[in-house]
Protein backbone atom coordinates (compact mmCIF):
# COMPACT_ATOMS: atom_id res chain seq x y z
CA MET A 1 -52.81 7.20 -124.71
CA ASN A 2 -49.40 8.07 -123.35
CA HIS A 3 -46.86 5.65 -124.77
CA LEU A 4 -43.86 4.35 -122.88
CA SER A 5 -40.54 6.10 -123.39
CA ARG A 6 -37.79 3.91 -124.82
CA ASP A 7 -36.23 3.54 -121.34
CA GLN A 8 -39.59 2.50 -119.85
CA PHE A 9 -40.10 0.10 -122.76
CA VAL A 10 -36.71 -1.53 -122.19
CA LYS A 11 -37.50 -2.00 -118.47
CA ARG A 12 -40.85 -3.63 -119.29
CA LEU A 13 -39.17 -6.05 -121.70
CA LYS A 14 -37.28 -7.71 -118.83
CA SER A 15 -40.35 -9.70 -117.77
CA ILE A 16 -41.30 -10.92 -121.26
CA LYS A 17 -41.19 -14.67 -121.91
CA LEU A 18 -42.84 -14.78 -125.35
CA LEU A 19 -42.60 -12.47 -128.33
CA ALA A 20 -45.69 -12.74 -130.54
CA LEU A 21 -45.53 -11.20 -134.00
CA ASP A 22 -48.15 -10.48 -136.61
CA VAL A 23 -46.85 -11.02 -140.15
CA ASP A 24 -48.44 -8.79 -142.81
CA GLY A 25 -47.49 -5.21 -142.03
CA VAL A 26 -45.09 -6.19 -139.23
CA LEU A 27 -42.63 -8.65 -140.77
CA THR A 28 -43.55 -7.44 -144.26
CA ASP A 29 -44.24 -4.00 -145.72
CA ASP A 30 -47.94 -4.93 -145.89
CA SER A 31 -47.68 -5.96 -149.56
CA ILE A 32 -48.49 -9.30 -151.16
CA TYR A 33 -47.60 -10.23 -154.70
CA PHE A 34 -50.01 -12.60 -156.45
CA GLY A 35 -49.32 -14.37 -159.73
CA PRO A 36 -52.10 -15.27 -162.18
CA ASP A 37 -52.26 -18.80 -160.78
CA GLY A 38 -52.62 -17.55 -157.19
CA PHE A 39 -48.92 -18.02 -156.36
CA GLU A 40 -48.10 -15.68 -153.49
CA LEU A 41 -44.86 -13.87 -152.70
CA LYS A 42 -44.06 -11.70 -149.67
CA ARG A 43 -41.12 -9.42 -149.01
CA PHE A 44 -39.59 -10.09 -145.58
CA ASN A 45 -36.92 -7.92 -143.97
CA ILE A 46 -33.66 -9.86 -143.61
CA SER A 47 -32.49 -7.95 -140.50
CA ASP A 48 -35.79 -8.64 -138.74
CA GLY A 49 -35.36 -12.34 -139.45
CA PHE A 50 -31.73 -12.37 -138.35
CA PHE A 51 -32.64 -10.77 -135.01
CA MET A 52 -35.57 -13.15 -134.58
CA ALA A 53 -33.10 -16.05 -134.91
CA LEU A 54 -30.74 -14.40 -132.41
CA ALA A 55 -33.64 -13.84 -129.97
CA MET A 56 -34.60 -17.52 -130.15
CA ARG A 57 -30.93 -18.47 -129.70
CA SER A 58 -30.90 -16.32 -126.54
CA GLY A 59 -33.82 -18.33 -125.13
CA LEU A 60 -36.77 -16.07 -125.91
CA GLU A 61 -39.85 -17.95 -127.10
CA LEU A 62 -41.21 -16.59 -130.35
CA THR A 63 -44.49 -17.14 -132.16
CA ILE A 64 -46.19 -15.90 -135.27
CA VAL A 65 -49.86 -14.96 -134.87
CA SER A 66 -51.47 -14.17 -138.21
CA GLY A 67 -55.13 -13.93 -139.10
CA ARG A 68 -54.39 -15.03 -142.64
CA TYR A 69 -52.82 -18.32 -143.74
CA SER A 70 -49.87 -18.02 -146.11
CA ALA A 71 -47.55 -20.72 -147.43
CA ALA A 72 -44.92 -17.99 -147.90
CA THR A 73 -45.07 -17.32 -144.15
CA ASP A 74 -44.68 -21.03 -143.40
CA THR A 75 -41.62 -21.18 -145.65
CA ARG A 76 -39.95 -18.11 -144.12
CA MET A 77 -40.62 -19.18 -140.53
CA LYS A 78 -39.28 -22.68 -141.22
CA ASP A 79 -36.15 -21.05 -142.68
CA LEU A 80 -35.73 -19.03 -139.46
CA GLY A 81 -36.49 -21.97 -137.15
CA VAL A 82 -39.65 -20.47 -135.65
CA LYS A 83 -41.43 -23.42 -133.99
CA HIS A 84 -44.75 -21.77 -133.23
CA VAL A 85 -46.48 -20.54 -136.39
CA LEU A 86 -50.16 -19.78 -135.81
CA GLN A 87 -52.11 -18.72 -138.88
CA GLY A 88 -55.61 -18.50 -140.25
CA LYS A 89 -57.75 -17.35 -137.31
CA LYS A 90 -59.08 -13.82 -137.04
CA ASP A 91 -59.43 -14.04 -133.23
CA LYS A 92 -55.78 -13.92 -132.21
CA ILE A 93 -56.54 -14.33 -128.49
CA LEU A 94 -58.22 -17.70 -129.15
CA GLN A 95 -55.45 -18.56 -131.59
CA ILE A 96 -52.61 -18.06 -129.09
CA GLN A 97 -54.32 -19.37 -125.94
CA PRO A 98 -53.48 -23.09 -126.47
CA LEU A 99 -49.80 -22.20 -127.01
CA LEU A 100 -49.73 -20.18 -123.78
CA GLU A 101 -51.19 -23.15 -121.90
CA GLU A 102 -48.64 -25.49 -123.52
CA LEU A 103 -45.72 -23.20 -122.60
CA ASP A 104 -47.19 -22.25 -119.19
CA ILE A 105 -47.01 -18.55 -120.06
CA ASP A 106 -49.56 -15.95 -118.98
CA PHE A 107 -50.87 -13.18 -121.25
CA SER A 108 -49.05 -10.72 -118.98
CA GLU A 109 -45.72 -12.28 -120.06
CA ILE A 110 -46.29 -11.66 -123.79
CA ALA A 111 -44.95 -8.83 -125.90
CA PHE A 112 -47.11 -8.57 -129.03
CA VAL A 113 -46.26 -6.57 -132.15
CA GLY A 114 -49.08 -5.67 -134.54
CA ASN A 115 -50.16 -3.15 -137.12
CA GLU A 116 -53.86 -3.49 -137.91
CA LEU A 117 -57.39 -3.47 -136.47
CA LEU A 118 -57.33 -7.28 -136.06
CA ASP A 119 -54.45 -6.84 -133.61
CA ILE A 120 -56.28 -4.64 -131.10
CA GLY A 121 -57.76 -7.53 -129.08
CA LEU A 122 -54.45 -9.30 -128.48
CA ALA A 123 -52.68 -5.97 -127.95
CA ARG A 124 -55.11 -5.13 -125.14
CA ARG A 125 -54.64 -8.57 -123.57
CA SER A 126 -50.84 -8.73 -123.79
CA GLY A 127 -48.50 -7.65 -121.04
CA LEU A 128 -46.64 -5.38 -123.45
CA SER A 129 -48.29 -4.20 -126.66
CA ILE A 130 -46.35 -2.72 -129.54
CA ALA A 131 -47.40 -1.15 -132.83
CA VAL A 132 -45.10 -0.56 -135.78
CA ALA A 133 -44.68 3.09 -136.78
CA ASP A 134 -47.06 2.84 -139.76
CA ALA A 135 -49.79 0.94 -137.89
CA THR A 136 -53.43 1.96 -138.04
CA PRO A 137 -54.20 4.88 -135.68
CA GLU A 138 -56.76 2.78 -133.80
CA LEU A 139 -54.04 0.30 -132.76
CA ILE A 140 -51.53 3.05 -131.98
CA GLU A 141 -54.13 4.53 -129.62
CA VAL A 142 -54.24 1.39 -127.42
CA VAL A 143 -50.65 0.08 -127.39
CA ASP A 144 -47.90 0.66 -124.84
CA TYR A 145 -45.16 1.45 -127.35
CA VAL A 146 -44.74 2.45 -131.00
CA THR A 147 -41.58 1.57 -132.91
CA GLU A 148 -39.66 4.21 -134.81
CA LYS A 149 -39.44 1.98 -137.88
CA SER A 150 -42.28 0.83 -140.09
CA GLY A 151 -43.42 -2.74 -140.60
CA GLY A 152 -41.16 -4.74 -142.90
CA CYS A 153 -38.45 -2.07 -142.53
CA GLY A 154 -36.64 -3.12 -139.36
CA ALA A 155 -39.33 -2.58 -136.69
CA VAL A 156 -38.94 -6.11 -135.34
CA ARG A 157 -35.15 -5.79 -135.18
CA GLU A 158 -35.59 -2.48 -133.35
CA MET A 159 -37.82 -4.17 -130.80
CA ILE A 160 -35.49 -7.15 -130.33
CA GLU A 161 -32.47 -4.85 -129.90
CA ALA A 162 -34.37 -3.23 -127.02
CA TYR A 163 -35.06 -6.72 -125.59
CA PHE A 164 -31.34 -7.56 -125.68
CA GLU A 165 -30.62 -4.29 -123.89
CA ALA A 166 -33.24 -5.17 -121.27
CA VAL A 167 -31.81 -8.60 -120.52
CA GLY A 168 -28.16 -7.53 -120.83
CA LYS A 169 -27.28 -9.66 -123.85
CA ASN A 170 -25.00 -8.66 -126.68
CA PRO A 171 -26.22 -9.90 -130.10
CA LEU A 172 -22.58 -10.43 -131.13
CA ASP A 173 -22.29 -13.12 -128.44
CA LEU A 174 -25.15 -15.05 -130.06
CA ILE A 175 -23.54 -15.39 -133.48
CA PRO A 176 -21.99 -18.83 -133.98
């Protein structure tokens, strides 16, 4: 598939009302640390989180769509103020559909960022589909745009910076 150029990507971001993000491999480097008692730790990128908070402050709706439940994800999203945290369902289209109805948003108004095979269905359905640089080749084949940065290494910030460019907002103006 021919991917959008960065300029084309920025133009397409203008019509986005909801940013949907996978977690493992997008907001993290695709690693999970487990202790002997099952305690789980994840490594989240601070800049990604900071720009997620700025995006929400600018008025962009944001949701997490993860096929796997994680208390660590709940904790991080609560810390960032993400209101819509959807976890634990492999079918991400069915998982996000009630939220879209609640917010009166169409699939065509979603930008979705993923990295893995489970993300292909929602990527195909979303108005703007994005894969992180180190995503599985099968997802990269079907998405509209591929970030320059890898998951957990600033890919989400990169995407949100492009969104700010699209809507003419300066992130510095969003800092209290």
